Amino acid sequence: MTNDVIVVIGTGGIGLAIARRQGFGKRVLLADFNETLLRAAADGMAAAGYTIESQVVDVALRESVRALADKAASLGSVMQVINTAGLSPNMAPPAKVLEVDLYGSALVFEEFERVIAPGGAGLIISSMAGHMMPPLPRDQEHALAFTPADELLGLPFLKGDAVPNSLVGYMIAKRANHLRVQAAAMSWGARGARVNSISPGIVVTPLAQHELNSEIGDGYRAMIAASPSKRMAPPEEIAVAASYLLGPDAGFITGSDLLIDGGVIAAMRAGKLPVPG
């Protein structure tokens, strides 16, 4: 086993698939807000022969993310950081979606920049929702990219009625993920590390099933039907792409987002689907 450490935040379907693909022969630090889910994931991977550490984390609390980064650094060389934590629009009100999906993601970028090793790579699992909205005004996009994390939620265009519902909050947060990846590419690059994002479409996970069974399920089914692929994706397809972006073959790729949605956004651009408002 090497002294390399891989950190995976969020042990749902995509996080666990990436952890299994990336982690064998390395030390894997799993983290999740849900202690029961975290314990099950850690026990399952340990039983399969992986070297596992685990820690509960709340990505919306800086002290919690900092403690996770410090633990990762104490285990060895932090070579890969994968953040899959997030809330869907159907799971929380707008303020909470922004707190976890926007502020939490920014905290992970900032805290793990301190400990990422030269030659390391970061990856955030964003969403195709970040591609659904038109570009924001230039000053707002700059603010989403470069405002220090602890000041993000105070931006005027993110407060109160400016974000009328959770779907709008989710789209803004995921757009911000792409912008902060571009910004982080510069500061992580100064440490000899890269950072990118993946924007999945509808992936076969418990979270997706929750959405399909909810009041917005018909919208999901319409996206699948209108897309060129006409299907959902298993988490393993996202893990394959993650492996490429995290590995040496992607050494010239940083500050980028990879859209893996089966063509849903293409269908929207072609007028086959309404653009969410």
C-alpha atoms as a PDB file:
ATOM      1  CA  MET A   1       0.000   0.000   0.000  1.00  0.00           C
ATOM      2  CA  THR A   2       1.229   3.489  -0.830  1.00  0.00           C
ATOM      3  CA  ASN A   3       1.147   6.487   1.488  1.00  0.00           C
ATOM      4  CA  ASP A   4      -1.281   8.219  -0.869  1.00  0.00           C
ATOM      5  CA  VAL A   5      -4.571   9.415   0.590  1.00  0.00           C
ATOM      6  CA  ILE A   6      -7.835   9.714  -1.320  1.00  0.00           C
ATOM      7  CA  VAL A   7     -10.646  11.702   0.286  1.00  0.00           C
ATOM      8  CA  VAL A   8     -14.240  11.092  -0.776  1.00  0.00           C
ATOM      9  CA  ILE A   9     -16.894  13.394   0.684  1.00  0.00           C
ATOM     10  CA  GLY A  10     -20.372  11.932   0.302  1.00  0.00           C
ATOM     11  CA  THR A  11     -20.873   8.174   0.338  1.00  0.00           C
ATOM     12  CA  GLY A  12     -23.957   7.930  -1.858  1.00  0.00           C
ATOM     13  CA  GLY A  13     -23.992   6.064  -5.159  1.00  0.00           C
ATOM     14  CA  ILE A  14     -21.526   8.247  -7.077  1.00  0.00           C
ATOM     15  CA  GLY A  15     -19.170   8.807  -4.149  1.00  0.00           C
ATOM     16  CA  LEU A  16     -18.977   5.118  -3.335  1.00  0.00           C
ATOM     17  CA  ALA A  17     -18.418   4.160  -6.992  1.00  0.00           C
ATOM     18  CA  ILE A  18     -15.515   6.618  -7.238  1.00  0.00           C
ATOM     19  CA  ALA A  19     -14.061   5.485  -3.923  1.00  0.00           C
ATOM     20  CA  ARG A  20     -14.072   1.863  -5.040  1.00  0.00           C
ATOM     21  CA  ARG A  21     -12.503   2.659  -8.401  1.00  0.00           C
ATOM     22  CA  GLN A  22      -9.822   4.992  -7.072  1.00  0.00           C
ATOM     23  CA  GLY A  23      -9.020   3.640  -3.660  1.00  0.00           C
ATOM     24  CA  PHE A  24      -7.538   0.171  -3.858  1.00  0.00           C
ATOM     25  CA  GLY A  25      -3.929   0.084  -2.644  1.00  0.00           C
ATOM     26  CA  LYS A  26      -4.298   3.569  -1.163  1.00  0.00           C
ATOM     27  CA  ARG A  27      -5.645   4.941   2.102  1.00  0.00           C
ATOM     28  CA  VAL A  28      -9.235   6.082   1.614  1.00  0.00           C
ATOM     29  CA  LEU A  29     -10.795   8.668   3.909  1.00  0.00           C
ATOM     30  CA  LEU A  30     -14.576   8.552   3.597  1.00  0.00           C
ATOM     31  CA  ALA A  31     -16.704  11.398   4.937  1.00  0.00           C
ATOM     32  CA  ASP A  32     -20.427  12.017   5.115  1.00  0.00           C
ATOM     33  CA  PHE A  33     -22.977  13.980   7.133  1.00  0.00           C
ATOM     34  CA  ASN A  34     -25.080  10.837   7.592  1.00  0.00           C
ATOM     35  CA  GLU A  35     -23.263   8.703  10.163  1.00  0.00           C
ATOM     36  CA  THR A  36     -25.302   5.575   9.401  1.00  0.00           C
ATOM     37  CA  LEU A  37     -24.614   5.796   5.674  1.00  0.00           C
ATOM     38  CA  LEU A  38     -20.944   6.521   6.345  1.00  0.00           C
ATOM     39  CA  ARG A  39     -20.525   3.528   8.646  1.00  0.00           C
ATOM     40  CA  ALA A  40     -22.167   1.186   6.137  1.00  0.00           C
ATOM     41  CA  ALA A  41     -19.948   2.441   3.301  1.00  0.00           C
ATOM     42  CA  ALA A  42     -16.778   2.199   5.388  1.00  0.00           C
ATOM     43  CA  ASP A  43     -17.599  -1.283   6.658  1.00  0.00           C
ATOM     44  CA  GLY A  44     -18.456  -2.512   3.162  1.00  0.00           C
ATOM     45  CA  MET A  45     -15.235  -1.234   1.630  1.00  0.00           C
ATOM     46  CA  ALA A  46     -13.119  -2.507   4.520  1.00  0.00           C
ATOM     47  CA  ALA A  47     -14.683  -5.952   4.131  1.00  0.00           C
ATOM     48  CA  ALA A  48     -13.714  -5.879   0.447  1.00  0.00           C
ATOM     49  CA  GLY A  49     -10.052  -5.274   1.309  1.00  0.00           C
ATOM     50  CA  TYR A  50      -9.744  -1.475   1.118  1.00  0.00           C
ATOM     51  CA  THR A  51      -7.811   0.504   3.726  1.00  0.00           C
ATOM     52  CA  ILE A  52     -10.460   2.804   5.148  1.00  0.00           C
ATOM     53  CA  GLU A  53     -10.657   5.725   7.532  1.00  0.00           C
ATOM     54  CA  SER A  54     -13.886   7.617   8.101  1.00  0.00           C
ATOM     55  CA  GLN A  55     -15.049  10.870   9.625  1.00  0.00           C
ATOM     56  CA  VAL A  56     -18.413  12.574   9.930  1.00  0.00           C
ATOM     57  CA  VAL A  57     -18.410  15.962   8.213  1.00  0.00           C
ATOM     58  CA  ASP A  58     -20.810  18.837   7.732  1.00  0.00           C
ATOM     59  CA  VAL A  59     -19.601  20.644   4.622  1.00  0.00           C
ATOM     60  CA  ALA A  60     -21.568  23.745   5.659  1.00  0.00           C
ATOM     61  CA  LEU A  61     -19.362  24.217   8.756  1.00  0.00           C
ATOM     62  CA  ARG A  62     -15.819  25.442   8.233  1.00  0.00           C
ATOM     63  CA  GLU A  63     -14.493  23.858  11.408  1.00  0.00           C
ATOM     64  CA  SER A  64     -15.863  20.493  10.311  1.00  0.00           C
ATOM     65  CA  VAL A  65     -14.304  20.693   6.833  1.00  0.00           C
ATOM     66  CA  ARG A  66     -11.027  21.939   8.317  1.00  0.00           C
ATOM     67  CA  ALA A  67     -10.932  18.979  10.715  1.00  0.00           C
ATOM     68  CA  LEU A  68     -11.458  16.618   7.784  1.00  0.00           C
ATOM     69  CA  ALA A  69      -8.643  18.233   5.785  1.00  0.00           C
ATOM     70  CA  ASP A  70      -6.334  18.073   8.780  1.00  0.00           C
ATOM     71  CA  LYS A  71      -7.124  14.396   9.323  1.00  0.00           C
ATOM     72  CA  ALA A  72      -6.451  13.669   5.655  1.00  0.00           C
ATOM     73  CA  ALA A  73      -3.060  15.365   5.879  1.00  0.00           C
ATOM     74  CA  SER A  74      -2.183  13.371   9.018  1.00  0.00           C
ATOM     75  CA  LEU A  75      -2.695  10.109   7.106  1.00  0.00           C
ATOM     76  CA  GLY A  76      -0.221  10.752   4.295  1.00  0.00           C
ATOM     77  CA  SER A  77       0.042  12.628   0.992  1.00  0.00           C
ATOM     78  CA  VAL A  78      -3.396  13.932   0.000  1.00  0.00           C
ATOM     79  CA  MET A  79      -3.448  13.091  -3.707  1.00  0.00           C
ATOM     80  CA  GLN A  80      -7.157  13.143  -4.576  1.00  0.00           C
ATOM     81  CA  VAL A  81     -10.145  14.969  -3.093  1.00  0.00           C
ATOM     82  CA  ILE A  82     -13.591  14.163  -4.437  1.00  0.00           C
ATOM     83  CA  ASN A  83     -16.593  16.136  -3.186  1.00  0.00           C
ATOM     84  CA  THR A  84     -19.969  14.571  -3.982  1.00  0.00           C
ATOM     85  CA  ALA A  85     -21.931  16.148  -1.108  1.00  0.00           C
ATOM     86  CA  GLY A  86     -25.059  18.074  -1.995  1.00  0.00           C
ATOM     87  CA  LEU A  87     -28.789  18.585  -1.651  1.00  0.00           C
ATOM     88  CA  SER A  88     -31.268  18.339  -4.510  1.00  0.00           C
ATOM     89  CA  PRO A  89     -33.979  20.993  -5.046  1.00  0.00           C
ATOM     90  CA  ASN A  90     -36.606  18.641  -3.661  1.00  0.00           C
ATOM     91  CA  MET A  91     -34.771  18.070  -0.386  1.00  0.00           C
ATOM     92  CA  ALA A  92     -34.483  21.516   1.192  1.00  0.00           C
ATOM     93  CA  PRO A  93     -35.537  25.200   0.998  1.00  0.00           C
ATOM     94  CA  PRO A  94     -33.455  27.600  -1.117  1.00  0.00           C
ATOM     95  CA  ALA A  95     -31.279  28.881   1.744  1.00  0.00           C
ATOM     96  CA  LYS A  96     -30.248  25.371   2.770  1.00  0.00           C
ATOM     97  CA  VAL A  97     -29.508  24.327  -0.827  1.00  0.00           C
ATOM     98  CA  LEU A  98     -27.225  27.358  -1.181  1.00  0.00           C
ATOM     99  CA  GLU A  99     -25.596  26.659   2.176  1.00  0.00           C
ATOM    100  CA  VAL A 100     -24.632  23.087   1.271  1.00  0.00           C
ATOM    101  CA  ASP A 101     -24.223  23.139  -2.518  1.00  0.00           C
ATOM    102  CA  LEU A 102     -22.588  26.564  -2.879  1.00  0.00           C
ATOM    103  CA  TYR A 103     -21.004  27.551   0.434  1.00  0.00           C
ATOM    104  CA  GLY A 104     -20.095  23.975   1.351  1.00  0.00           C
ATOM    105  CA  SER A 105     -18.395  23.387  -1.969  1.00  0.00           C
ATOM    106  CA  ALA A 106     -16.422  26.612  -1.599  1.00  0.00           C
ATOM    107  CA  LEU A 107     -15.280  25.545   1.878  1.00  0.00           C
ATOM    108  CA  VAL A 108     -13.978  22.241   0.535  1.00  0.00           C
ATOM    109  CA  PHE A 109     -11.996  24.055  -2.176  1.00  0.00           C
ATOM    110  CA  GLU A 110     -10.478  26.445   0.371  1.00  0.00           C
ATOM    111  CA  GLU A 111      -9.655  23.987   3.147  1.00  0.00           C
ATOM    112  CA  PHE A 112      -8.256  21.210   0.968  1.00  0.00           C
ATOM    113  CA  GLU A 113      -6.136  23.657  -0.997  1.00  0.00           C
ATOM    114  CA  ARG A 114      -4.058  23.870   2.201  1.00  0.00           C
ATOM    115  CA  VAL A 115      -3.247  20.158   2.200  1.00  0.00           C
ATOM    116  CA  ILE A 116      -3.390  18.915  -1.397  1.00  0.00           C
ATOM    117  CA  ALA A 117      -0.047  17.423  -2.411  1.00  0.00           C
ATOM    118  CA  PRO A 118       1.921  18.473  -5.497  1.00  0.00           C
ATOM    119  CA  GLY A 119       0.658  16.367  -8.370  1.00  0.00           C
ATOM    120  CA  GLY A 120      -2.701  15.996  -6.641  1.00  0.00           C
ATOM    121  CA  ALA A 121      -6.160  16.548  -8.100  1.00  0.00           C
ATOM    122  CA  GLY A 122      -9.539  17.696  -6.865  1.00  0.00           C
ATOM    123  CA  LEU A 123     -12.954  16.942  -8.304  1.00  0.00           C
ATOM    124  CA  ILE A 124     -16.415  18.161  -7.431  1.00  0.00           C
ATOM    125  CA  ILE A 125     -19.535  16.385  -8.617  1.00  0.00           C
ATOM    126  CA  SER A 126     -21.728  19.271  -9.726  1.00  0.00           C
ATOM    127  CA  SER A 127     -24.819  18.858 -11.926  1.00  0.00           C
ATOM    128  CA  MET A 128     -26.148  19.412 -15.411  1.00  0.00           C
ATOM    129  CA  ALA A 129     -28.350  22.028 -13.713  1.00  0.00           C
ATOM    130  CA  GLY A 130     -25.371  24.359 -13.822  1.00  0.00           C
ATOM    131  CA  HIS A 131     -25.719  24.354 -17.617  1.00  0.00           C
ATOM    132  CA  MET A 132     -29.464  25.000 -17.663  1.00  0.00           C
ATOM    133  CA  MET A 133     -29.462  28.681 -16.862  1.00  0.00           C
ATOM    134  CA  PRO A 134     -28.104  31.431 -19.117  1.00  0.00           C
ATOM    135  CA  PRO A 135     -24.928  33.193 -17.980  1.00  0.00           C
ATOM    136  CA  LEU A 136     -25.415  35.563 -15.075  1.00  0.00           C
ATOM    137  CA  PRO A 137     -24.277  39.187 -15.305  1.00  0.00           C
ATOM    138  CA  ARG A 138     -20.502  39.353 -15.443  1.00  0.00           C
ATOM    139  CA  ASP A 139     -20.138  40.961 -12.021  1.00  0.00           C
ATOM    140  CA  GLN A 140     -22.269  38.242 -10.436  1.00  0.00           C
ATOM    141  CA  GLU A 141     -20.280  35.455 -12.077  1.00  0.00           C
ATOM    142  CA  HIS A 142     -17.046  37.068 -10.889  1.00  0.00           C
ATOM    143  CA  ALA A 143     -18.458  37.311  -7.371  1.00  0.00           C
ATOM    144  CA  LEU A 144     -19.509  33.644  -7.370  1.00  0.00           C
ATOM    145  CA  ALA A 145     -16.041  32.644  -8.540  1.00  0.00           C
ATOM    146  CA  PHE A 146     -13.831  34.747  -6.294  1.00  0.00           C
ATOM    147  CA  THR A 147     -15.728  35.882  -3.191  1.00  0.00           C
ATOM    148  CA  PRO A 148     -14.211  34.261  -0.063  1.00  0.00           C
ATOM    149  CA  ALA A 149     -16.406  31.383   1.038  1.00  0.00           C
ATOM    150  CA  ASP A 150     -17.485  32.976   4.309  1.00  0.00           C
ATOM    151  CA  GLU A 151     -18.852  36.000   2.434  1.00  0.00           C
ATOM    152  CA  LEU A 152     -20.661  34.116  -0.338  1.00  0.00           C
ATOM    153  CA  LEU A 153     -24.098  33.789   1.233  1.00  0.00           C
ATOM    154  CA  GLY A 154     -24.122  37.530   1.932  1.00  0.00           C
ATOM    155  CA  LEU A 155     -24.061  38.450  -1.755  1.00  0.00           C
ATOM    156  CA  PRO A 156     -27.185  40.571  -2.477  1.00  0.00           C
ATOM    157  CA  PHE A 157     -28.264  38.487  -5.473  1.00  0.00           C
ATOM    158  CA  LEU A 158     -28.400  35.365  -3.291  1.00  0.00           C
ATOM    159  CA  LYS A 159     -30.553  36.785  -0.505  1.00  0.00           C
ATOM    160  CA  GLY A 160     -34.288  36.647   0.101  1.00  0.00           C
ATOM    161  CA  ASP A 161     -36.603  36.956  -2.871  1.00  0.00           C
ATOM    162  CA  ALA A 162     -33.652  37.082  -5.278  1.00  0.00           C
ATOM    163  CA  VAL A 163     -33.689  33.250  -5.133  1.00  0.00           C
ATOM    164  CA  PRO A 164     -37.418  32.477  -5.341  1.00  0.00           C
ATOM    165  CA  ASN A 165     -37.280  28.688  -5.026  1.00  0.00           C
ATOM    166  CA  SER A 166     -34.969  25.751  -4.451  1.00  0.00           C
ATOM    167  CA  LEU A 167     -34.603  24.946  -8.149  1.00  0.00           C
ATOM    168  CA  VAL A 168     -33.225  28.403  -8.887  1.00  0.00           C
ATOM    169  CA  GLY A 169     -30.956  28.132  -5.853  1.00  0.00           C
ATOM    170  CA  TYR A 170     -29.736  24.743  -7.057  1.00  0.00           C
ATOM    171  CA  MET A 171     -28.992  25.981 -10.576  1.00  0.00           C
ATOM    172  CA  ILE A 172     -27.100  28.991  -9.226  1.00  0.00           C
ATOM    173  CA  ALA A 173     -25.112  26.785  -6.832  1.00  0.00           C
ATOM    174  CA  LYS A 174     -24.136  24.373  -9.587  1.00  0.00           C
ATOM    175  CA  ARG A 175     -23.208  27.213 -11.917  1.00  0.00           C
ATOM    176  CA  ALA A 176     -21.095  28.574  -9.079  1.00  0.00           C
ATOM    177  CA  ASN A 177     -19.363  25.193  -8.766  1.00  0.00           C
ATOM    178  CA  HIS A 178     -18.134  25.540 -12.358  1.00  0.00           C
ATOM    179  CA  LEU A 179     -16.976  29.103 -11.756  1.00  0.00           C
ATOM    180  CA  ARG A 180     -15.167  28.270  -8.532  1.00  0.00           C
ATOM    181  CA  VAL A 181     -13.404  25.358 -10.237  1.00  0.00           C
ATOM    182  CA  GLN A 182     -11.986  27.866 -12.711  1.00  0.00           C
ATOM    183  CA  ALA A 183     -10.892  30.156  -9.886  1.00  0.00           C
ATOM    184  CA  ALA A 184      -9.475  27.299  -7.810  1.00  0.00           C
ATOM    185  CA  ALA A 185      -7.493  26.058 -10.804  1.00  0.00           C
ATOM    186  CA  MET A 186      -5.242  29.089 -10.325  1.00  0.00           C
ATOM    187  CA  SER A 187      -4.649  28.773  -6.584  1.00  0.00           C
ATOM    188  CA  TRP A 188      -4.454  24.968  -6.622  1.00  0.00           C
ATOM    189  CA  GLY A 189      -2.110  25.260  -9.590  1.00  0.00           C
ATOM    190  CA  ALA A 190       0.278  27.271  -7.450  1.00  0.00           C
ATOM    191  CA  ARG A 191       0.593  24.133  -5.331  1.00  0.00           C
ATOM    192  CA  GLY A 192       1.124  21.927  -8.380  1.00  0.00           C
ATOM    193  CA  ALA A 193      -2.382  20.477  -8.227  1.00  0.00           C
ATOM    194  CA  ARG A 194      -5.375  20.412 -10.558  1.00  0.00           C
ATOM    195  CA  VAL A 195      -9.117  20.761  -9.955  1.00  0.00           C
ATOM    196  CA  ASN A 196     -12.121  20.003 -12.191  1.00  0.00           C
ATOM    197  CA  SER A 197     -15.818  19.240 -12.011  1.00  0.00           C
ATOM    198  CA  ILE A 198     -18.221  16.722 -13.486  1.00  0.00           C
ATOM    199  CA  SER A 199     -21.838  17.653 -14.191  1.00  0.00           C
ATOM    200  CA  PRO A 200     -23.883  14.447 -14.271  1.00  0.00           C
ATOM    201  CA  GLY A 201     -27.378  14.134 -15.575  1.00  0.00           C
ATOM    202  CA  ILE A 202     -29.800  11.634 -14.068  1.00  0.00           C
ATOM    203  CA  VAL A 203     -27.810   8.867 -12.411  1.00  0.00           C
ATOM    204  CA  VAL A 204     -29.300   5.719 -10.895  1.00  0.00           C
ATOM    205  CA  THR A 205     -28.830   6.494  -7.201  1.00  0.00           C
ATOM    206  CA  PRO A 206     -31.135   6.633  -4.157  1.00  0.00           C
ATOM    207  CA  LEU A 207     -31.185  10.417  -4.549  1.00  0.00           C
ATOM    208  CA  ALA A 208     -32.419  10.151  -8.145  1.00  0.00           C
ATOM    209  CA  GLN A 209     -35.028   7.610  -7.081  1.00  0.00           C
ATOM    210  CA  HIS A 210     -36.208  10.061  -4.437  1.00  0.00           C
ATOM    211  CA  GLU A 211     -36.655  12.695  -7.136  1.00  0.00           C
ATOM    212  CA  LEU A 212     -38.371  10.301  -9.556  1.00  0.00           C
ATOM    213  CA  ASN A 213     -40.875   9.372  -6.858  1.00  0.00           C
ATOM    214  CA  SER A 214     -41.549  13.000  -5.929  1.00  0.00           C
ATOM    215  CA  GLU A 215     -43.870  15.598  -7.414  1.00  0.00           C
ATOM    216  CA  ILE A 216     -41.152  16.588  -9.896  1.00  0.00           C
ATOM    217  CA  GLY A 217     -40.679  13.019 -11.101  1.00  0.00           C
ATOM    218  CA  ASP A 218     -42.553  13.627 -14.354  1.00  0.00           C
ATOM    219  CA  GLY A 219     -40.027  16.312 -15.245  1.00  0.00           C
ATOM    220  CA  TYR A 220     -37.190  13.864 -14.779  1.00  0.00           C
ATOM    221  CA  ARG A 221     -38.917  11.281 -16.947  1.00  0.00           C
ATOM    222  CA  ALA A 222     -39.478  13.918 -19.636  1.00  0.00           C
ATOM    223  CA  MET A 223     -35.754  14.720 -19.632  1.00  0.00           C
ATOM    224  CA  ILE A 224     -34.885  11.061 -20.086  1.00  0.00           C
ATOM    225  CA  ALA A 225     -37.395  10.656 -22.916  1.00  0.00           C
ATOM    226  CA  ALA A 226     -36.216  13.778 -24.783  1.00  0.00           C
ATOM    227  CA  SER A 227     -32.503  13.045 -24.455  1.00  0.00           C
ATOM    228  CA  PRO A 228     -30.594  11.323 -27.289  1.00  0.00           C
ATOM    229  CA  SER A 229     -29.523   8.500 -24.968  1.00  0.00           C
ATOM    230  CA  LYS A 230     -33.035   7.970 -23.545  1.00  0.00           C
ATOM    231  CA  ARG A 231     -31.699   6.455 -20.346  1.00  0.00           C
ATOM    232  CA  MET A 232     -30.216   7.130 -16.960  1.00  0.00           C
ATOM    233  CA  ALA A 233     -26.594   6.304 -16.142  1.00  0.00           C
ATOM    234  CA  PRO A 234     -25.215   3.987 -13.453  1.00  0.00           C
ATOM    235  CA  PRO A 235     -22.794   5.558 -10.959  1.00  0.00           C
ATOM    236  CA  GLU A 236     -19.959   3.520 -12.456  1.00  0.00           C
ATOM    237  CA  GLU A 237     -20.090   5.573 -15.668  1.00  0.00           C
ATOM    238  CA  ILE A 238     -19.424   8.718 -13.654  1.00  0.00           C
ATOM    239  CA  ALA A 239     -16.619   6.929 -11.789  1.00  0.00           C
ATOM    240  CA  VAL A 240     -14.909   6.064 -15.088  1.00  0.00           C
ATOM    241  CA  ALA A 241     -14.872   9.739 -16.092  1.00  0.00           C
ATOM    242  CA  ALA A 242     -13.726  10.742 -12.617  1.00  0.00           C
ATOM    243  CA  SER A 243     -10.827   8.291 -12.855  1.00  0.00           C
ATOM    244  CA  TYR A 244      -9.658   9.975 -16.037  1.00  0.00           C
ATOM    245  CA  LEU A 245      -9.892  13.517 -14.660  1.00  0.00           C
ATOM    246  CA  LEU A 246      -8.115  12.538 -11.448  1.00  0.00           C
ATOM    247  CA  GLY A 247      -5.350  10.603 -13.198  1.00  0.00           C
ATOM    248  CA  PRO A 248      -2.132  11.417 -15.040  1.00  0.00           C
ATOM    249  CA  ASP A 249      -3.679  11.216 -18.521  1.00  0.00           C
ATOM    250  CA  ALA A 250      -5.638  14.384 -17.656  1.00  0.00           C
ATOM    251  CA  GLY A 251      -2.539  16.304 -16.607  1.00  0.00           C
ATOM    252  CA  PHE A 252      -3.343  19.183 -18.980  1.00  0.00           C
ATOM    253  CA  ILE A 253      -6.958  19.509 -17.783  1.00  0.00           C
ATOM    254  CA  THR A 254      -7.746  21.900 -14.956  1.00  0.00           C
ATOM    255  CA  GLY A 255     -10.489  24.439 -14.365  1.00  0.00           C
ATOM    256  CA  SER A 256     -12.846  22.439 -16.584  1.00  0.00           C
ATOM    257  CA  ASP A 257     -16.302  20.916 -16.293  1.00  0.00           C
ATOM    258  CA  LEU A 258     -17.285  17.646 -17.967  1.00  0.00           C
ATOM    259  CA  LEU A 259     -20.999  17.393 -18.772  1.00  0.00           C
ATOM    260  CA  ILE A 260     -22.207  13.767 -18.638  1.00  0.00           C
ATOM    261  CA  ASP A 261     -25.961  13.991 -19.091  1.00  0.00           C
ATOM    262  CA  GLY A 262     -26.930  11.705 -21.971  1.00  0.00           C
ATOM    263  CA  GLY A 263     -27.755  14.789 -24.022  1.00  0.00           C
ATOM    264  CA  VAL A 264     -30.382  16.432 -21.777  1.00  0.00           C
ATOM    265  CA  ILE A 265     -28.824  19.883 -22.159  1.00  0.00           C
ATOM    266  CA  ALA A 266     -28.527  19.310 -25.917  1.00  0.00           C
ATOM    267  CA  ALA A 267     -32.261  18.543 -25.977  1.00  0.00           C
ATOM    268  CA  MET A 268     -32.967  21.788 -24.136  1.00  0.00           C
ATOM    269  CA  ARG A 269     -30.858  23.757 -26.576  1.00  0.00           C
ATOM    270  CA  ALA A 270     -32.750  22.109 -29.430  1.00  0.00           C
ATOM    271  CA  GLY A 271     -36.096  23.149 -27.948  1.00  0.00           C
ATOM    272  CA  LYS A 272     -37.148  19.610 -27.075  1.00  0.00           C
ATOM    273  CA  LEU A 273     -37.410  20.482 -23.396  1.00  0.00           C
ATOM    274  CA  PRO A 274     -38.376  23.644 -21.538  1.00  0.00           C
ATOM    275  CA  VAL A 275     -35.573  25.495 -19.803  1.00  0.00           C
ATOM    276  CA  PRO A 276     -36.288  25.574 -16.051  1.00  0.00           C
ATOM    277  CA  GLY A 277     -37.047  29.028 -14.704  1.00  0.00           C
END
